Protein backbone atom coordinates (compact mmCIF):
# COMPACT_ATOMS: atom_id res chain seq x y z
CA MET A 1 -33.87 33.63 -19.68
CA ALA A 2 -33.92 30.56 -21.91
CA LEU A 3 -30.24 31.15 -22.77
CA ASP A 4 -29.32 31.40 -19.07
CA THR A 5 -31.17 28.15 -18.35
CA ALA A 6 -29.38 26.39 -21.20
CA GLN A 7 -25.99 27.64 -19.98
CA LEU A 8 -26.76 26.49 -16.44
CA THR A 9 -27.75 23.05 -17.73
CA ILE A 10 -24.52 22.79 -19.74
CA ARG A 11 -22.45 23.85 -16.71
CA ARG A 12 -24.14 21.25 -14.53
CA ALA A 13 -23.57 18.52 -17.12
CA ALA A 14 -19.93 19.54 -17.52
CA SER A 15 -19.48 19.63 -13.74
CA ARG A 16 -21.00 16.18 -13.38
CA PHE A 17 -18.67 14.87 -16.08
CA THR A 18 -15.49 16.41 -14.65
CA ASP A 19 -16.28 15.49 -11.03
CA SER A 20 -16.18 11.79 -11.86
CA ILE A 21 -13.06 11.99 -14.06
CA ASP A 22 -9.59 11.67 -12.56
CA GLY A 23 -7.47 14.19 -14.46
CA PRO A 24 -4.10 12.35 -14.49
CA LEU A 25 -5.64 9.00 -15.43
CA PHE A 26 -7.75 10.53 -18.17
CA ALA A 27 -4.88 12.60 -19.59
CA LEU A 28 -2.48 9.64 -19.67
CA SER A 29 -5.00 7.32 -21.31
CA VAL A 30 -5.91 9.97 -23.91
CA VAL A 31 -2.24 10.54 -24.79
CA LEU A 32 -1.73 6.78 -25.16
CA VAL A 33 -4.83 6.54 -27.33
CA GLY A 34 -3.53 9.43 -29.44
CA ILE A 35 -0.23 7.60 -29.94
CA GLY A 36 -2.25 4.53 -30.88
CA LEU A 37 -4.27 6.38 -33.52
CA VAL A 38 -1.14 7.92 -35.06
CA THR A 39 0.58 4.54 -35.18
CA LEU A 40 -2.55 2.77 -36.40
CA TYR A 41 -2.85 5.26 -39.28
CA SER A 42 0.65 4.29 -40.40
CA ALA A 43 0.12 0.58 -39.80
CA SER A 44 -3.19 0.65 -41.72
CA TYR A 45 -2.20 3.17 -44.37
CA GLU A 46 -3.78 1.00 -47.07
CA TYR A 47 -6.92 0.47 -44.96
CA PRO A 48 -7.93 3.89 -43.53
CA ALA A 49 -11.32 2.51 -42.47
CA ARG A 50 -9.57 0.90 -39.49
CA VAL A 51 -8.84 4.32 -38.02
CA THR A 52 -12.49 5.30 -38.39
CA ALA A 53 -13.55 2.03 -36.78
CA GLN A 54 -11.12 2.63 -33.91
CA LEU A 55 -12.64 6.06 -33.32
CA ALA A 56 -16.04 4.38 -33.02
CA ASN A 57 -14.50 1.87 -30.59
CA LEU A 58 -13.12 4.78 -28.57
CA ALA A 59 -16.55 6.38 -28.31
CA VAL A 60 -17.93 3.17 -26.83
CA ALA A 61 -14.90 2.78 -24.53
CA PHE A 62 -15.10 6.35 -23.21
CA THR A 63 -18.82 5.93 -22.56
CA ALA A 64 -18.18 2.70 -20.63
CA MET A 65 -15.42 4.42 -18.62
CA TRP A 66 -17.69 7.33 -17.67
CA LEU A 67 -20.59 5.09 -16.68
CA ILE A 68 -18.38 2.91 -14.46
CA ALA A 69 -16.79 6.01 -12.91
CA GLN A 70 -20.28 7.15 -11.79
CA ALA A 71 -20.84 3.97 -9.77
CA SER A 72 -19.59 3.68 -6.20
CA PRO A 73 -17.27 0.81 -5.17
CA GLN A 74 -20.17 -0.56 -3.12
CA THR A 75 -22.25 -0.76 -6.29
CA LEU A 76 -19.41 -2.50 -8.10
CA MET A 77 -19.14 -4.97 -5.23
CA ARG A 78 -22.83 -5.86 -5.52
CA PHE A 79 -22.34 -6.76 -9.18
CA ALA A 80 -19.20 -8.87 -8.57
CA VAL A 81 -20.87 -12.28 -8.18
CA PRO A 82 -23.46 -11.95 -10.99
CA VAL A 83 -20.86 -10.60 -13.44
CA TYR A 84 -18.47 -13.45 -12.63
CA PHE A 85 -21.05 -16.22 -13.09
CA PHE A 86 -22.48 -14.53 -16.18
CA GLY A 87 -18.94 -14.51 -17.61
CA ILE A 88 -18.56 -18.23 -16.82
CA LEU A 89 -21.88 -18.89 -18.55
CA LEU A 90 -20.72 -17.01 -21.64
CA LEU A 91 -17.44 -18.96 -21.71
CA VAL A 92 -19.42 -22.21 -21.62
CA ALA A 93 -21.61 -20.84 -24.44
CA VAL A 94 -18.47 -20.10 -26.47
CA ALA A 95 -17.27 -23.68 -25.95
CA LEU A 96 -20.61 -25.00 -27.19
CA PHE A 97 -21.74 -22.47 -29.83
CA GLY A 98 -18.85 -20.07 -30.47
CA ASP A 99 -17.45 -19.16 -33.88
CA VAL A 100 -14.27 -20.92 -35.00
CA ALA A 101 -11.61 -18.70 -36.61
CA ASN A 102 -7.98 -19.65 -37.25
CA GLY A 103 -8.45 -22.88 -35.34
CA ALA A 104 -9.75 -21.20 -32.17
CA ARG A 105 -13.28 -20.89 -30.79
CA ARG A 106 -13.28 -17.49 -29.05
CA TRP A 107 -16.15 -15.40 -30.39
CA LEU A 108 -19.86 -15.39 -29.62
CA HIS A 109 -22.52 -13.87 -31.88
CA VAL A 110 -25.07 -11.60 -30.20
CA GLY A 111 -27.61 -10.16 -32.63
CA VAL A 112 -25.83 -8.33 -35.43
CA THR A 113 -22.44 -8.24 -33.74
CA ARG A 114 -20.02 -10.56 -32.00
CA PHE A 115 -17.70 -10.21 -29.04
CA GLN A 116 -15.07 -12.09 -27.08
CA PRO A 117 -16.50 -13.10 -23.67
CA SER A 118 -13.05 -13.96 -22.32
CA GLU A 119 -12.24 -10.22 -22.33
CA MET A 120 -14.83 -9.46 -19.66
CA MET A 121 -13.17 -11.98 -17.33
CA LYS A 122 -10.13 -9.68 -17.08
CA ILE A 123 -12.37 -7.40 -15.03
CA ALA A 124 -14.86 -9.93 -13.64
CA MET A 125 -12.08 -12.07 -12.14
CA PRO A 126 -10.43 -9.44 -9.89
CA LEU A 127 -13.90 -8.06 -9.08
CA MET A 128 -15.05 -11.47 -7.85
CA LEU A 129 -11.92 -12.26 -5.85
CA ALA A 130 -11.82 -8.78 -4.29
CA TRP A 131 -15.46 -9.31 -3.20
CA TYR A 132 -14.65 -12.75 -1.80
CA PHE A 133 -11.65 -11.60 0.24
CA HIS A 134 -13.56 -8.54 1.44
CA ARG A 135 -16.29 -10.83 2.79
CA HIS A 136 -13.69 -12.87 4.69
CA GLU A 137 -11.32 -10.04 5.62
CA ALA A 138 -11.67 -10.51 9.38
CA THR A 139 -11.09 -14.29 9.33
CA LEU A 140 -8.83 -15.05 6.37
CA ARG A 141 -7.62 -18.66 6.45
CA ALA A 142 -5.72 -20.98 4.14
CA LEU A 143 -9.06 -22.41 2.97
CA ASP A 144 -10.08 -18.99 1.66
CA PHE A 145 -7.02 -18.83 -0.58
CA ILE A 146 -7.76 -22.35 -1.85
CA VAL A 147 -11.35 -21.35 -2.70
CA ALA A 148 -10.03 -18.23 -4.44
CA GLY A 149 -7.63 -20.39 -6.44
CA LEU A 150 -10.52 -22.61 -7.58
CA LEU A 151 -12.60 -19.56 -8.56
CA LEU A 152 -9.63 -18.43 -10.64
CA LEU A 153 -8.90 -21.82 -12.17
CA VAL A 154 -12.36 -22.33 -13.72
CA PRO A 155 -12.31 -19.39 -16.20
CA VAL A 156 -8.60 -19.78 -16.91
CA LEU A 157 -9.09 -23.41 -18.01
CA LEU A 158 -12.15 -22.51 -20.09
CA ILE A 159 -10.23 -19.74 -21.88
CA ALA A 160 -7.09 -21.85 -22.37
CA ARG A 161 -9.27 -24.56 -23.92
CA GLN A 162 -10.51 -22.21 -26.69
CA PRO A 163 -7.43 -21.98 -27.11
CA ASP A 164 -6.49 -18.40 -26.15
CA LEU A 165 -3.28 -18.57 -24.18
CA GLY A 166 -2.75 -14.79 -24.15
CA THR A 167 -6.10 -13.98 -22.54
CA ALA A 168 -5.76 -16.94 -20.17
CA VAL A 169 -2.42 -15.54 -18.97
CA LEU A 170 -3.96 -12.09 -18.41
CA VAL A 171 -6.94 -13.48 -16.48
CA LEU A 172 -4.61 -15.68 -14.42
CA ALA A 173 -2.38 -12.70 -13.66
CA ALA A 174 -5.38 -10.55 -12.67
CA GLY A 175 -6.56 -13.17 -10.19
CA CYS A 176 -3.08 -13.81 -8.82
CA TYR A 177 -2.60 -10.09 -8.14
CA VAL A 178 -5.73 -10.05 -5.96
CA ILE A 179 -4.63 -13.18 -4.10
CA PHE A 180 -1.18 -11.68 -3.53
CA PHE A 181 -2.53 -8.34 -2.27
CA ALA A 182 -4.94 -10.22 0.01
CA GLY A 183 -1.93 -11.39 2.03
CA LEU A 184 -0.77 -14.70 0.61
CA SER A 185 2.29 -15.87 2.55
CA TRP A 186 5.70 -15.65 0.85
CA LYS A 187 6.34 -19.24 1.95
CA VAL A 188 3.24 -20.36 0.06
CA ILE A 189 4.32 -18.33 -2.98
CA ALA A 190 7.76 -19.98 -2.91
CA GLY A 191 6.10 -23.39 -2.65
CA LEU A 192 3.82 -22.62 -5.58
CA VAL A 193 6.82 -21.55 -7.66
CA VAL A 194 8.52 -24.88 -6.95
CA VAL A 195 5.34 -26.78 -7.83
CA GLY A 196 4.96 -24.70 -10.99
CA ILE A 197 8.49 -25.53 -12.10
CA GLY A 198 7.84 -29.20 -11.42
CA ALA A 199 4.60 -29.04 -13.43
CA LEU A 200 6.30 -27.64 -16.55
CA PHE A 201 6.88 -31.09 -18.05
CA PRO A 202 3.25 -32.34 -17.84
CA LEU A 203 1.97 -28.88 -18.88
CA TRP A 204 4.22 -29.02 -21.94
CA GLY A 205 2.37 -32.12 -23.08
CA MET A 206 -0.99 -30.33 -22.68
CA LEU A 207 -0.04 -27.45 -24.98
CA HIS A 208 -1.25 -27.37 -28.57
CA ASP A 209 1.33 -27.96 -31.30
CA TYR A 210 1.33 -24.30 -32.37
CA GLN A 211 1.86 -23.20 -28.74
CA ARG A 212 4.87 -25.51 -28.36
CA ARG A 213 6.29 -24.15 -31.62
CA ARG A 214 5.99 -20.62 -30.27
CA VAL A 215 8.07 -21.50 -27.23
CA LEU A 216 10.71 -23.35 -29.27
CA THR A 217 10.98 -20.58 -31.85
CA LEU A 218 11.48 -18.09 -29.03
CA LEU A 219 14.75 -19.86 -28.27
CA ASP A 220 15.78 -19.99 -31.93
CA PRO A 221 13.36 -18.40 -34.42
CA THR A 222 15.69 -19.14 -37.34
CA THR A 223 14.76 -22.84 -37.15
CA ASP A 224 11.49 -21.95 -38.91
CA PRO A 225 12.01 -18.49 -40.46
CA LEU A 226 9.00 -18.70 -42.79
CA GLY A 227 6.67 -20.39 -40.31
CA ALA A 228 6.46 -20.13 -36.54
CA GLY A 229 9.57 -17.94 -36.31
CA TYR A 230 8.42 -15.42 -38.92
CA HIS A 231 6.57 -13.12 -36.48
CA ILE A 232 9.50 -12.80 -34.07
CA ILE A 233 12.12 -12.35 -36.80
CA GLN A 234 10.24 -9.59 -38.60
CA SER A 235 9.21 -7.77 -35.44
CA THR A 236 12.74 -7.75 -33.99
CA ILE A 237 14.11 -6.49 -37.31
CA ALA A 238 11.59 -3.64 -37.20
CA VAL A 239 12.36 -2.79 -33.57
CA GLY A 240 16.11 -2.80 -34.18
CA SER A 241 15.98 -0.88 -37.46
CA GLY A 242 14.31 2.09 -35.74
CA GLY A 243 17.59 3.05 -34.09
CA ILE A 244 17.66 5.97 -31.67
CA LEU A 245 15.23 8.39 -33.33
CA GLY A 246 13.36 6.09 -35.72
CA LYS A 247 12.80 6.32 -39.46
CA GLY A 248 9.97 8.83 -39.14
CA TRP A 249 6.20 8.60 -39.24
CA LEU A 250 4.89 6.77 -42.33
CA ARG A 251 8.47 5.88 -43.31
CA GLY A 252 8.79 2.43 -41.77
CA THR A 253 9.97 0.05 -44.48
CA GLN A 254 9.15 -3.14 -42.57
CA THR A 255 5.68 -1.74 -41.99
CA HIS A 256 4.78 -0.45 -45.43
CA LEU A 257 6.37 -3.33 -47.30
CA GLU A 258 4.08 -5.53 -45.17
CA PHE A 259 6.77 -7.65 -43.54
CA ILE A 260 5.30 -7.15 -40.06
CA PRO A 261 2.34 -9.51 -39.47
CA GLU A 262 -0.70 -8.33 -37.47
CA ARG A 263 0.88 -4.88 -37.48
CA HIS A 264 -2.34 -3.10 -36.45
CA THR A 265 -3.04 -5.34 -33.43
CA ASP A 266 -0.55 -7.53 -31.55
CA PHE A 267 2.55 -6.23 -33.34
CA ILE A 268 1.78 -2.52 -33.47
CA PHE A 269 4.68 -1.92 -31.07
CA ALA A 270 7.04 -3.03 -33.86
CA VAL A 271 5.52 -0.35 -36.12
CA PHE A 272 5.92 2.29 -33.41
CA SER A 273 9.51 1.25 -32.66
CA GLU A 274 10.54 1.35 -36.32
CA GLU A 275 9.12 4.82 -36.91
CA PHE A 276 9.89 6.51 -33.58
CA GLY A 277 12.94 4.55 -32.40
CA LEU A 278 14.35 4.20 -28.90
CA ALA A 279 13.38 7.78 -28.02
CA GLY A 280 9.74 7.08 -28.80
CA ASN A 281 9.86 3.81 -26.84
CA CYS A 282 11.22 5.65 -23.79
CA VAL A 283 8.33 8.13 -23.97
CA LEU A 284 5.84 5.27 -24.31
CA LEU A 285 7.36 3.43 -21.34
CA LEU A 286 7.26 6.62 -19.26
CA LEU A 287 3.56 7.06 -20.01
CA TYR A 288 2.81 3.49 -18.94
CA LEU A 289 4.87 3.90 -15.77
CA LEU A 290 3.02 7.11 -14.88
CA LEU A 291 -0.33 5.38 -15.50
CA ILE A 292 0.68 2.45 -13.29
CA ALA A 293 2.04 4.79 -10.59
CA ARG A 294 -1.24 6.73 -10.55
CA GLY A 295 -3.24 3.52 -10.27
CA LEU A 296 -1.12 2.23 -7.38
CA MET A 297 -1.49 5.59 -5.65
CA ILE A 298 -5.27 5.28 -5.92
CA ALA A 299 -5.04 1.72 -4.56
CA ALA A 300 -2.92 2.87 -1.60
CA ASN A 301 -5.47 5.55 -0.66
CA ALA A 302 -8.56 3.36 -1.17
CA PRO A 303 -10.79 3.28 1.95
CA THR A 304 -11.81 -0.40 1.96
CA PHE A 305 -10.16 -3.78 1.56
CA PHE A 306 -12.29 -4.45 -1.53
CA SER A 307 -11.26 -1.17 -3.17
CA ARG A 308 -7.56 -1.69 -2.45
CA LEU A 309 -7.54 -5.20 -3.86
CA LEU A 310 -9.52 -4.23 -6.96
CA ALA A 311 -7.53 -1.06 -7.71
CA GLY A 312 -4.19 -2.82 -7.24
CA ALA A 313 -5.17 -5.72 -9.49
CA VAL A 314 -6.63 -3.51 -12.24
CA THR A 315 -3.49 -1.36 -12.25
CA LEU A 316 -1.17 -4.34 -12.55
CA ILE A 317 -3.30 -5.68 -15.41
CA PHE A 318 -2.17 -2.62 -17.38
CA PHE A 319 1.43 -3.52 -16.49
CA THR A 320 0.93 -7.13 -17.60
CA TYR A 321 -0.59 -6.06 -20.92
CA ALA A 322 2.34 -3.76 -21.72
CA PHE A 323 5.07 -6.09 -20.43
CA VAL A 324 3.81 -9.19 -22.27
CA ASN A 325 3.18 -7.34 -25.56
CA MET A 326 6.52 -5.53 -25.61
CA GLY A 327 8.28 -8.71 -24.51
CA MET A 328 6.82 -10.87 -27.29
CA VAL A 329 7.41 -8.21 -29.98
CA SER A 330 11.01 -7.81 -28.80
CA GLY A 331 11.60 -11.56 -28.85
CA ILE A 332 12.08 -12.13 -25.11
CA LEU A 333 8.66 -13.77 -24.54
CA PRO A 334 6.63 -16.26 -26.61
CA VAL A 335 4.00 -14.87 -28.99
CA VAL A 336 0.74 -15.22 -27.07
CA GLY A 337 -1.56 -12.69 -28.75
CA VAL A 338 -1.74 -9.84 -26.22
CA PRO A 339 -2.47 -6.31 -27.55
CA LEU A 340 -0.52 -3.20 -26.56
CA PRO A 341 -2.83 -1.38 -24.09
CA PHE A 342 -4.62 1.69 -25.49
CA VAL A 343 -2.54 1.51 -28.68
CA SER A 344 -3.51 -1.68 -30.55
CA TYR A 345 -6.60 -1.79 -32.75
CA GLY A 346 -9.60 -3.60 -31.31
CA GLY A 347 -12.94 -2.80 -29.72
CA THR A 348 -13.41 -5.43 -27.01
CA ALA A 349 -9.93 -5.08 -25.50
CA LEU A 350 -10.14 -1.27 -25.61
CA ALA A 351 -13.49 -1.29 -23.83
CA THR A 352 -12.07 -3.62 -21.16
CA LEU A 353 -9.12 -1.31 -20.56
CA PHE A 354 -11.31 1.77 -20.21
CA VAL A 355 -13.66 -0.09 -17.87
CA GLY A 356 -10.54 -0.63 -15.75
CA ILE A 357 -9.79 3.10 -15.90
CA GLY A 358 -13.41 3.79 -14.89
CA ILE A 359 -13.05 1.47 -11.88
CA LEU A 360 -9.95 3.35 -10.72
CA MET A 361 -11.78 6.67 -11.15
CA SER A 362 -14.72 5.35 -9.13
CA ILE A 363 -12.47 4.23 -6.29
CA HIS A 364 -10.60 7.55 -6.28
CA ARG A 365 -13.81 9.59 -6.40
CA HIS A 366 -15.31 7.76 -3.42
CA ARG A 367 -12.10 7.47 -1.39
CA LYS A 368 -13.44 9.77 1.39
CA LEU A 369 -16.66 7.88 1.84
CA VAL A 370 -16.77 5.65 4.91
CA GLN A 371 -18.45 2.29 4.40
CA THR A 372 -21.08 1.50 6.97
């Protein structure tokens, strides 16, 4: 009898776990994580503890994903405003009390650990804007888009001031996706593009010296091959040397001779490209495309305006992560410090990504529920 009770308890727990998990999303993210662990092992061959640490990060990330997947979109909507303002408060705390590392103030100590508050804004920002537009769905006016733009501008400026241009770009993109899906006019978008082009000159003067060097070395990295251009030169050599099929796992010369900088984080795509070549890159791109397609499908079938906006924005955040990282490693975009999603080493970014997966699972799980 005791054995039957234990088996029934296990079945119920397993059923509760599987009911909240979207199979395609979970499978794609696990495969990407597996690719990340294999690549990280090669990139950190001299430091195997990084792989162990990443496994611990994955345990936390999977737990966060499952917990978020249990919550209904209505519950997520109730937390939108407090999470947003709590994130703003943490960004202000970083500006006042944060740790300085490599000339940037991005980290905040909490007890025995530290974390990067700007990461949570990648989720808090679309959550807040989706809530705002949902509240005004019936009477959307130009003023509502202006208010949304101001809500977006505050965290972006705080993050850019740290300075952390990569995270600022991702948060800006996340907010812009929500504003676009909310129905921003194409005429307004065209006008904003013109204004943005006109603002390039004054914005150039606001950039830090190292940020301006990154843009200039993008155009010609050989002007400073041992300085600002070193990252791009070495990463493009690694990507190109992989050829069609790659040099093989653990056989990347650029990797193991330590020419590739930050090879376990921002430049892990260069390691993957060198060892698995164009064929491996095509498989990786296909996995990302399938993940994005699944997310957009969930967004299209979402029952409420809030759910559609949030699911669409979260999905396109994954696209932005992958596009910006691959672009900077390949030398077609400036180096802005964006990790490769689900592949790069790092706990905070990985948890953020899996929270996004959990949000999509929550929306898909509750798609048949009618909001009253």
